[in-house]
Amino acid sequence: MSAIKQGSPQTKSKERVAQRGEVFMAEREVNAMCDLVKHECLRPDSRFLELACGDGNFLSVILKRKLAELQRKYKNSPYGYTKKVLAIGILCFVR
């Protein structure tokens, strides 16, 4: 019996796994991996390159963390807007 089930949340089909090696990370795994580099996820100027972005699971978690930290840190400051733009601009992906 195969460990990869058709239609599981982490795969779209057995064929796509076989042809492309396509497997999607579950939210729990994404959060655990981002926790390993938590300090970088909170820095607005840190850079991330997601080579196999798929649905963007990692990038969306990283962006949410960065924006939440900036909101916490600069909620009453106009400087915060500039930092938010920087945080969005440094996310790169390749599909």
PDB file of N, CA and C in Angstrom:
ATOM      1  N   MET A   1       0.846  -1.192   0.000  1.00  0.00           N
ATOM      2  CA  MET A   1       0.000   0.000   0.000  1.00  0.00           C
ATOM      3  C   MET A   1       0.881   1.242   0.000  1.00  0.00           C
ATOM      4  N   SER A   2       0.537   2.205  -0.832  1.00  0.00           N
ATOM      5  CA  SER A   2       1.310   3.438  -0.952  1.00  0.00           C
ATOM      6  C   SER A   2       1.043   4.354   0.229  1.00  0.00           C
ATOM      7  N   ALA A   3       2.103   5.076   0.652  1.00  0.00           N
ATOM      8  CA  ALA A   3       1.962   6.023   1.754  1.00  0.00           C
ATOM      9  C   ALA A   3       1.262   7.296   1.306  1.00  0.00           C
ATOM     10  N   ILE A   4       1.257   7.552   0.005  1.00  0.00           N
ATOM     11  CA  ILE A   4       0.636   8.767  -0.534  1.00  0.00           C
ATOM     12  C   ILE A   4      -0.754   8.420  -1.038  1.00  0.00           C
ATOM     13  N   LYS A   5      -1.758   9.035  -0.444  1.00  0.00           N
ATOM     14  CA  LYS A   5      -3.143   8.760  -0.814  1.00  0.00           C
ATOM     15  C   LYS A   5      -3.641   9.809  -1.800  1.00  0.00           C
ATOM     16  N   GLN A   6      -4.393   9.359  -2.768  1.00  0.00           N
ATOM     17  CA  GLN A   6      -4.980  10.271  -3.751  1.00  0.00           C
ATOM     18  C   GLN A   6      -5.924  11.231  -3.045  1.00  0.00           C
ATOM     19  N   GLY A   7      -5.789  12.527  -3.351  1.00  0.00           N
ATOM     20  CA  GLY A   7      -6.695  13.517  -2.812  1.00  0.00           C
ATOM     21  C   GLY A   7      -6.431  13.903  -1.369  1.00  0.00           C
ATOM     22  N   SER A   8      -5.317  13.468  -0.798  1.00  0.00           N
ATOM     23  CA  SER A   8      -5.012  13.907   0.563  1.00  0.00           C
ATOM     24  C   SER A   8      -4.682  15.394   0.518  1.00  0.00           C
ATOM     25  N   PRO A   9      -4.771  16.100   1.648  1.00  0.00           N
ATOM     26  CA  PRO A   9      -4.493  17.543   1.626  1.00  0.00           C
ATOM     27  C   PRO A   9      -3.077  17.875   1.145  1.00  0.00           C
ATOM     28  N   GLN A  10      -2.174  16.921   1.216  1.00  0.00           N
ATOM     29  CA  GLN A  10      -0.793  17.195   0.827  1.00  0.00           C
ATOM     30  C   GLN A  10      -0.491  16.813  -0.614  1.00  0.00           C
ATOM     31  N   THR A  11      -1.422  16.184  -1.294  1.00  0.00           N
ATOM     32  CA  THR A  11      -1.209  15.824  -2.695  1.00  0.00           C
ATOM     33  C   THR A  11      -2.477  16.084  -3.485  1.00  0.00           C
ATOM     34  N   LYS A  12      -2.301  16.323  -4.777  1.00  0.00           N
ATOM     35  CA  LYS A  12      -3.464  16.492  -5.653  1.00  0.00           C
ATOM     36  C   LYS A  12      -3.765  15.194  -6.390  1.00  0.00           C
ATOM     37  N   SER A  13      -2.711  14.441  -6.738  1.00  0.00           N
ATOM     38  CA  SER A  13      -2.904  13.138  -7.364  1.00  0.00           C
ATOM     39  C   SER A  13      -1.594  12.358  -7.296  1.00  0.00           C
ATOM     40  N   LYS A  14      -1.706  11.037  -7.381  1.00  0.00           N
ATOM     41  CA  LYS A  14      -0.514  10.183  -7.390  1.00  0.00           C
ATOM     42  C   LYS A  14       0.355  10.499  -8.609  1.00  0.00           C
ATOM     43  N   GLU A  15      -0.292  10.808  -9.712  1.00  0.00           N
ATOM     44  CA  GLU A  15       0.430  11.107 -10.949  1.00  0.00           C
ATOM     45  C   GLU A  15       1.302  12.352 -10.790  1.00  0.00           C
ATOM     46  N   ARG A  16       0.762  13.383 -10.157  1.00  0.00           N
ATOM     47  CA  ARG A  16       1.525  14.622  -9.969  1.00  0.00           C
ATOM     48  C   ARG A  16       2.709  14.398  -9.033  1.00  0.00           C
ATOM     49  N   VAL A  17       2.540  13.526  -8.063  1.00  0.00           N
ATOM     50  CA  VAL A  17       3.652  13.193  -7.164  1.00  0.00           C
ATOM     51  C   VAL A  17       4.724  12.456  -7.957  1.00  0.00           C
ATOM     52  N   ALA A  18       4.316  11.496  -8.758  1.00  0.00           N
ATOM     53  CA  ALA A  18       5.268  10.707  -9.538  1.00  0.00           C
ATOM     54  C   ALA A  18       5.977  11.551 -10.595  1.00  0.00           C
ATOM     55  N   GLN A  19       5.233  12.404 -11.298  1.00  0.00           N
ATOM     56  CA  GLN A  19       5.804  13.200 -12.384  1.00  0.00           C
ATOM     57  C   GLN A  19       6.626  14.383 -11.898  1.00  0.00           C
ATOM     58  N   ARG A  20       6.146  15.064 -10.869  1.00  0.00           N
ATOM     59  CA  ARG A  20       6.759  16.324 -10.461  1.00  0.00           C
ATOM     60  C   ARG A  20       7.336  16.318  -9.051  1.00  0.00           C
ATOM     61  N   GLY A  21       7.049  15.267  -8.295  1.00  0.00           N
ATOM     62  CA  GLY A  21       7.469  15.268  -6.902  1.00  0.00           C
ATOM     63  C   GLY A  21       6.671  16.271  -6.087  1.00  0.00           C
ATOM     64  N   GLU A  22       5.460  16.559  -6.524  1.00  0.00           N
ATOM     65  CA  GLU A  22       4.640  17.604  -5.928  1.00  0.00           C
ATOM     66  C   GLU A  22       3.961  17.102  -4.654  1.00  0.00           C
ATOM     67  N   VAL A  23       4.343  17.687  -3.540  1.00  0.00           N
ATOM     68  CA  VAL A  23       3.717  17.403  -2.245  1.00  0.00           C
ATOM     69  C   VAL A  23       3.598  18.728  -1.516  1.00  0.00           C
ATOM     70  N   PHE A  24       2.427  19.004  -0.977  1.00  0.00           N
ATOM     71  CA  PHE A  24       2.176  20.250  -0.271  1.00  0.00           C
ATOM     72  C   PHE A  24       2.367  20.058   1.223  1.00  0.00           C
ATOM     73  N   MET A  25       2.920  21.065   1.866  1.00  0.00           N
ATOM     74  CA  MET A  25       3.151  21.006   3.304  1.00  0.00           C
ATOM     75  C   MET A  25       1.876  21.372   4.051  1.00  0.00           C
ATOM     76  N   ALA A  26       1.596  20.623   5.097  1.00  0.00           N
ATOM     77  CA  ALA A  26       0.458  20.935   5.960  1.00  0.00           C
ATOM     78  C   ALA A  26       0.797  22.156   6.811  1.00  0.00           C
ATOM     79  N   GLU A  27      -0.220  22.869   7.250  1.00  0.00           N
ATOM     80  CA  GLU A  27      -0.026  24.085   8.035  1.00  0.00           C
ATOM     81  C   GLU A  27       0.810  23.815   9.291  1.00  0.00           C
ATOM     82  N   ARG A  28       0.571  22.705   9.929  1.00  0.00           N
ATOM     83  CA  ARG A  28       1.325  22.345  11.139  1.00  0.00           C
ATOM     84  C   ARG A  28       2.823  22.252  10.844  1.00  0.00           C
ATOM     85  N   GLU A  29       3.168  21.621   9.721  1.00  0.00           N
ATOM     86  CA  GLU A  29       4.573  21.472   9.335  1.00  0.00           C
ATOM     87  C   GLU A  29       5.190  22.813   8.950  1.00  0.00           C
ATOM     88  N   VAL A  30       4.434  23.628   8.238  1.00  0.00           N
ATOM     89  CA  VAL A  30       4.923  24.954   7.839  1.00  0.00           C
ATOM     90  C   VAL A  30       5.237  25.786   9.078  1.00  0.00           C
ATOM     91  N   ASN A  31       4.315  25.809  10.030  1.00  0.00           N
ATOM     92  CA  ASN A  31       4.534  26.579  11.254  1.00  0.00           C
ATOM     93  C   ASN A  31       5.733  26.053  12.046  1.00  0.00           C
ATOM     94  N   ALA A  32       5.867  24.732  12.127  1.00  0.00           N
ATOM     95  CA  ALA A  32       7.004  24.148  12.849  1.00  0.00           C
ATOM     96  C   ALA A  32       8.324  24.528  12.191  1.00  0.00           C
ATOM     97  N   MET A  33       8.370  24.508  10.860  1.00  0.00           N
ATOM     98  CA  MET A  33       9.605  24.860  10.160  1.00  0.00           C
ATOM     99  C   MET A  33       9.902  26.352  10.294  1.00  0.00           C
ATOM    100  N   CYS A  34       8.881  27.188  10.232  1.00  0.00           N
ATOM    101  CA  CYS A  34       9.087  28.633  10.403  1.00  0.00           C
ATOM    102  C   CYS A  34       9.520  28.957  11.829  1.00  0.00           C
ATOM    103  N   ASP A  35       9.062  28.163  12.783  1.00  0.00           N
ATOM    104  CA  ASP A  35       9.485  28.362  14.173  1.00  0.00           C
ATOM    105  C   ASP A  35      10.994  28.128  14.335  1.00  0.00           C
ATOM    106  N   LEU A  36      11.569  27.302  13.482  1.00  0.00           N
ATOM    107  CA  LEU A  36      13.012  27.045  13.551  1.00  0.00           C
ATOM    108  C   LEU A  36      13.832  28.288  13.216  1.00  0.00           C
ATOM    109  N   VAL A  37      13.258  29.180  12.434  1.00  0.00           N
ATOM    110  CA  VAL A  37      13.926  30.444  12.078  1.00  0.00           C
ATOM    111  C   VAL A  37      13.044  31.625  12.477  1.00  0.00           C
ATOM    112  N   LYS A  38      12.458  31.504  13.649  1.00  0.00           N
ATOM    113  CA  LYS A  38      11.482  32.492  14.122  1.00  0.00           C
ATOM    114  C   LYS A  38      12.028  33.915  14.091  1.00  0.00           C
ATOM    115  N   HIS A  39      13.271  34.095  14.523  1.00  0.00           N
ATOM    116  CA  HIS A  39      13.860  35.441  14.551  1.00  0.00           C
ATOM    117  C   HIS A  39      13.904  36.064  13.155  1.00  0.00           C
ATOM    118  N   GLU A  40      14.131  35.256  12.140  1.00  0.00           N
ATOM    119  CA  GLU A  40      14.170  35.778  10.767  1.00  0.00           C
ATOM    120  C   GLU A  40      12.763  36.083  10.257  1.00  0.00           C
ATOM    121  N   CYS A  41      11.787  35.321  10.703  1.00  0.00           N
ATOM    122  CA  CYS A  41      10.402  35.572  10.282  1.00  0.00           C
ATOM    123  C   CYS A  41       9.865  36.880  10.848  1.00  0.00           C
ATOM    124  N   LEU A  42      10.480  37.376  11.896  1.00  0.00           N
ATOM    125  CA  LEU A  42      10.007  38.611  12.525  1.00  0.00           C
ATOM    126  C   LEU A  42      10.742  39.856  12.038  1.00  0.00           C
ATOM    127  N   ARG A  43      11.922  39.683  11.456  1.00  0.00           N
ATOM    128  CA  ARG A  43      12.689  40.828  10.954  1.00  0.00           C
ATOM    129  C   ARG A  43      12.098  41.306   9.636  1.00  0.00           C
ATOM    130  N   PRO A  44      11.729  42.582   9.533  1.00  0.00           N
ATOM    131  CA  PRO A  44      11.126  43.064   8.286  1.00  0.00           C
ATOM    132  C   PRO A  44      12.081  43.035   7.097  1.00  0.00           C
ATOM    133  N   ASP A  45      13.372  43.098   7.346  1.00  0.00           N
ATOM    134  CA  ASP A  45      14.330  43.141   6.232  1.00  0.00           C
ATOM    135  C   ASP A  45      14.963  41.793   5.913  1.00  0.00           C
ATOM    136  N   SER A  46      14.535  40.720   6.569  1.00  0.00           N
ATOM    137  CA  SER A  46      15.084  39.406   6.226  1.00  0.00           C
ATOM    138  C   SER A  46      14.477  38.947   4.904  1.00  0.00           C
ATOM    139  N   ARG A  47      15.231  38.159   4.159  1.00  0.00           N
ATOM    140  CA  ARG A  47      14.808  37.731   2.828  1.00  0.00           C
ATOM    141  C   ARG A  47      14.555  36.234   2.805  1.00  0.00           C
ATOM    142  N   PHE A  48      13.543  35.856   2.056  1.00  0.00           N
ATOM    143  CA  PHE A  48      13.193  34.454   1.870  1.00  0.00           C
ATOM    144  C   PHE A  48      12.993  34.203   0.396  1.00  0.00           C
ATOM    145  N   LEU A  49      13.538  33.125  -0.089  1.00  0.00           N
ATOM    146  CA  LEU A  49      13.329  32.706  -1.473  1.00  0.00           C
ATOM    147  C   LEU A  49      12.684  31.333  -1.421  1.00  0.00           C
ATOM    148  N   GLU A  50      11.490  31.227  -1.908  1.00  0.00           N
ATOM    149  CA  GLU A  50      10.765  29.970  -1.921  1.00  0.00           C
ATOM    150  C   GLU A  50      10.817  29.424  -3.336  1.00  0.00           C
ATOM    151  N   LEU A  51      11.661  28.439  -3.557  1.00  0.00           N
ATOM    152  CA  LEU A  51      11.865  27.908  -4.909  1.00  0.00           C
ATOM    153  C   LEU A  51      10.710  27.050  -5.404  1.00  0.00           C
ATOM    154  N   ALA A  52      10.008  26.445  -4.503  1.00  0.00           N
ATOM    155  CA  ALA A  52       8.888  25.591  -4.889  1.00  0.00           C
ATOM    156  C   ALA A  52       7.651  26.063  -4.138  1.00  0.00           C
ATOM    157  N   CYS A  53       7.180  27.242  -4.480  1.00  0.00           N
ATOM    158  CA  CYS A  53       6.172  27.896  -3.639  1.00  0.00           C
ATOM    159  C   CYS A  53       4.805  27.238  -3.680  1.00  0.00           C
ATOM    160  N   GLY A  54       4.485  26.452  -4.706  1.00  0.00           N
ATOM    161  CA  GLY A  54       3.188  25.784  -4.734  1.00  0.00           C
ATOM    162  C   GLY A  54       2.056  26.757  -4.472  1.00  0.00           C
ATOM    163  N   ASP A  55       1.391  26.586  -3.353  1.00  0.00           N
ATOM    164  CA  ASP A  55       0.289  27.481  -2.978  1.00  0.00           C
ATOM    165  C   ASP A  55       0.752  28.638  -2.114  1.00  0.00           C
ATOM    166  N   GLY A  56       2.050  28.743  -1.872  1.00  0.00           N
ATOM    167  CA  GLY A  56       2.580  29.855  -1.088  1.00  0.00           C
ATOM    168  C   GLY A  56       2.427  29.689   0.412  1.00  0.00           C
ATOM    169  N   ASN A  57       2.342  28.455   0.872  1.00  0.00           N
ATOM    170  CA  ASN A  57       2.122  28.206   2.299  1.00  0.00           C
ATOM    171  C   ASN A  57       3.184  28.857   3.181  1.00  0.00           C
ATOM    172  N   PHE A  58       4.451  28.708   2.818  1.00  0.00           N
ATOM    173  CA  PHE A  58       5.520  29.288   3.632  1.00  0.00           C
ATOM    174  C   PHE A  58       5.498  30.811   3.559  1.00  0.00           C
ATOM    175  N   LEU A  59       5.359  31.335   2.355  1.00  0.00           N
ATOM    176  CA  LEU A  59       5.409  32.786   2.193  1.00  0.00           C
ATOM    177  C   LEU A  59       4.256  33.479   2.905  1.00  0.00           C
ATOM    178  N   SER A  60       3.085  32.863   2.890  1.00  0.00           N
ATOM    179  CA  SER A  60       1.958  33.507   3.570  1.00  0.00           C
ATOM    180  C   SER A  60       2.143  33.498   5.084  1.00  0.00           C
ATOM    181  N   VAL A  61       2.687  32.426   5.631  1.00  0.00           N
ATOM    182  CA  VAL A  61       2.946  32.373   7.081  1.00  0.00           C
ATOM    183  C   VAL A  61       4.020  33.392   7.461  1.00  0.00           C
ATOM    184  N   ILE A  62       5.085  33.462   6.665  1.00  0.00           N
ATOM    185  CA  ILE A  62       6.166  34.413   6.946  1.00  0.00           C
ATOM    186  C   ILE A  62       5.637  35.844   6.882  1.00  0.00           C
ATOM    187  N   LEU A  63       4.863  36.156   5.859  1.00  0.00           N
ATOM    188  CA  LEU A  63       4.323  37.507   5.723  1.00  0.00           C
ATOM    189  C   LEU A  63       3.390  37.849   6.888  1.00  0.00           C
ATOM    190  N   LYS A  64       2.527  36.927   7.257  1.00  0.00           N
ATOM    191  CA  LYS A  64       1.626  37.169   8.395  1.00  0.00           C
ATOM    192  C   LYS A  64       2.425  37.446   9.665  1.00  0.00           C
ATOM    193  N   ARG A  65       3.487  36.680   9.885  1.00  0.00           N
ATOM    194  CA  ARG A  65       4.311  36.882  11.088  1.00  0.00           C
ATOM    195  C   ARG A  65       5.010  38.235  11.062  1.00  0.00           C
ATOM    196  N   LYS A  66       5.559  38.587   9.910  1.00  0.00           N
ATOM    197  CA  LYS A  66       6.248  39.876   9.786  1.00  0.00           C
ATOM    198  C   LYS A  66       5.286  41.036  10.029  1.00  0.00           C
ATOM    199  N   LEU A  67       4.117  40.983   9.390  1.00  0.00           N
ATOM    200  CA  LEU A  67       3.157  42.070   9.535  1.00  0.00           C
ATOM    201  C   LEU A  67       2.609  42.166  10.957  1.00  0.00           C
ATOM    202  N   ALA A  68       2.393  41.042  11.600  1.00  0.00           N
ATOM    203  CA  ALA A  68       1.919  41.060  12.992  1.00  0.00           C
ATOM    204  C   ALA A  68       2.970  41.682  13.909  1.00  0.00           C
ATOM    205  N   GLU A  69       4.227  41.346  13.677  1.00  0.00           N
ATOM    206  CA  GLU A  69       5.317  41.919  14.484  1.00  0.00           C
ATOM    207  C   GLU A  69       5.430  43.426  14.247  1.00  0.00           C
ATOM    208  N   LEU A  70       5.319  43.836  12.996  1.00  0.00           N
ATOM    209  CA  LEU A  70       5.390  45.266  12.686  1.00  0.00           C
ATOM    210  C   LEU A  70       4.213  46.015  13.281  1.00  0.00           C
ATOM    211  N   GLN A  71       3.030  45.418  13.236  1.00  0.00           N
ATOM    212  CA  GLN A  71       1.850  46.039  13.840  1.00  0.00           C
ATOM    213  C   GLN A  71       2.064  46.205  15.345  1.00  0.00           C
ATOM    214  N   ARG A  72       2.619  45.169  15.972  1.00  0.00           N
ATOM    215  CA  ARG A  72       2.880  45.230  17.411  1.00  0.00           C
ATOM    216  C   ARG A  72       3.908  46.306  17.739  1.00  0.00           C
ATOM    217  N   LYS A  73       4.940  46.371  16.928  1.00  0.00           N
ATOM    218  CA  LYS A  73       6.068  47.258  17.210  1.00  0.00           C
ATOM    219  C   LYS A  73       5.794  48.721  16.858  1.00  0.00           C
ATOM    220  N   TYR A  74       5.100  48.950  15.750  1.00  0.00           N
ATOM    221  CA  TYR A  74       4.935  50.310  15.228  1.00  0.00           C
ATOM    222  C   TYR A  74       3.473  50.726  15.086  1.00  0.00           C
ATOM    223  N   LYS A  75       2.586  50.226  15.914  1.00  0.00           N
ATOM    224  CA  LYS A  75       1.162  50.483  15.689  1.00  0.00           C
ATOM    225  C   LYS A  75       0.782  51.960  15.712  1.00  0.00           C
ATOM    226  N   ASN A  76       1.528  52.789  16.386  1.00  0.00           N
ATOM    227  CA  ASN A  76       1.194  54.221  16.442  1.00  0.00           C
ATOM    228  C   ASN A  76       2.216  55.086  15.711  1.00  0.00           C
ATOM    229  N   SER A  77       2.975  54.484  14.806  1.00  0.00           N
ATOM    230  CA  SER A  77       4.043  55.216  14.142  1.00  0.00           C
ATOM    231  C   SER A  77       3.873  55.185  12.626  1.00  0.00           C
ATOM    232  N   PRO A  78       4.055  56.315  11.946  1.00  0.00           N
ATOM    233  CA  PRO A  78       4.007  56.312  10.476  1.00  0.00           C
ATOM    234  C   PRO A  78       5.183  55.528   9.871  1.00  0.00           C
ATOM    235  N   TYR A  79       6.240  55.336  10.646  1.00  0.00           N
ATOM    236  CA  TYR A  79       7.398  54.564  10.195  1.00  0.00           C
ATOM    237  C   TYR A  79       7.006  53.108   9.926  1.00  0.00           C
ATOM    238  N   GLY A  80       5.993  52.643  10.624  1.00  0.00           N
ATOM    239  CA  GLY A  80       5.535  51.270  10.459  1.00  0.00           C
ATOM    240  C   GLY A  80       5.076  50.958   9.055  1.00  0.00           C
ATOM    241  N   TYR A  81       4.461  51.910   8.376  1.00  0.00           N
ATOM    242  CA  TYR A  81       3.988  51.701   7.004  1.00  0.00           C
ATOM    243  C   TYR A  81       5.165  51.374   6.087  1.00  0.00           C
ATOM    244  N   THR A  82       6.242  52.119   6.216  1.00  0.00           N
ATOM    245  CA  THR A  82       7.437  51.890   5.402  1.00  0.00           C
ATOM    246  C   THR A  82       7.985  50.491   5.642  1.00  0.00           C
ATOM    247  N   LYS A  83       8.009  50.069   6.889  1.00  0.00           N
ATOM    248  CA  LYS A  83       8.509  48.731   7.219  1.00  0.00           C
ATOM    249  C   LYS A  83       7.605  47.650   6.636  1.00  0.00           C
ATOM    250  N   LYS A  84       6.287  47.891   6.611  1.00  0.00           N
ATOM    251  CA  LYS A  84       5.364  46.910   6.046  1.00  0.00           C
ATOM    252  C   LYS A  84       5.596  46.751   4.548  1.00  0.00           C
ATOM    253  N   VAL A  85       5.815  47.852   3.866  1.00  0.00           N
ATOM    254  CA  VAL A  85       6.099  47.792   2.437  1.00  0.00           C
ATOM    255  C   VAL A  85       7.396  47.024   2.198  1.00  0.00           C
ATOM    256  N   LEU A  86       8.393  47.260   3.026  1.00  0.00           N
ATOM    257  CA  LEU A  86       9.664  46.538   2.923  1.00  0.00           C
ATOM    258  C   LEU A  86       9.442  45.040   3.139  1.00  0.00           C
ATOM    259  N   ALA A  87       8.653  44.676   4.138  1.00  0.00           N
ATOM    260  CA  ALA A  87       8.406  43.269   4.447  1.00  0.00           C
ATOM    261  C   ALA A  87       7.747  42.554   3.273  1.00  0.00           C
ATOM    262  N   ILE A  88       6.828  43.218   2.593  1.00  0.00           N
ATOM    263  CA  ILE A  88       6.151  42.613   1.447  1.00  0.00           C
ATOM    264  C   ILE A  88       7.100  42.511   0.257  1.00  0.00           C
ATOM    265  N   GLY A  89       7.914  43.523   0.063  1.00  0.00           N
ATOM    266  CA  GLY A  89       8.791  43.579  -1.102  1.00  0.00           C
ATOM    267  C   GLY A  89       9.917  42.575  -1.107  1.00  0.00           C
ATOM    268  N   ILE A  90      10.277  42.034   0.033  1.00  0.00           N
ATOM    269  CA  ILE A  90      11.418  41.129   0.062  1.00  0.00           C
ATOM    270  C   ILE A  90      11.032  39.661  -0.099  1.00  0.00           C
ATOM    271  N   LEU A  91       9.756  39.373  -0.203  1.00  0.00           N
ATOM    272  CA  LEU A  91       9.326  38.000  -0.419  1.00  0.00           C
ATOM    273  C   LEU A  91       9.429  37.677  -1.898  1.00  0.00           C
ATOM    274  N   CYS A  92      10.184  36.666  -2.240  1.00  0.00           N
ATOM    275  CA  CYS A  92      10.375  36.256  -3.632  1.00  0.00           C
ATOM    276  C   CYS A  92       9.937  34.814  -3.781  1.00  0.00           C
ATOM    277  N   PHE A  93       9.381  34.496  -4.924  1.00  0.00           N
ATOM    278  CA  PHE A  93       8.983  33.120  -5.169  1.00  0.00           C
ATOM    279  C   PHE A  93       9.213  32.781  -6.623  1.00  0.00           C
ATOM    280  N   VAL A  94       9.349  31.497  -6.865  1.00  0.00           N
ATOM    281  CA  VAL A  94       9.500  30.995  -8.214  1.00  0.00           C
ATOM    282  C   VAL A  94       8.476  29.892  -8.374  1.00  0.00           C
ATOM    283  N   ARG A  95       7.656  29.975  -9.393  1.00  0.00           N
ATOM    284  CA  ARG A  95       6.634  28.949  -9.589  1.00  0.00           C
ATOM    285  C   ARG A  95       6.993  28.108 -10.769  1.00  0.00           C
TER     286      ARG A  95
END
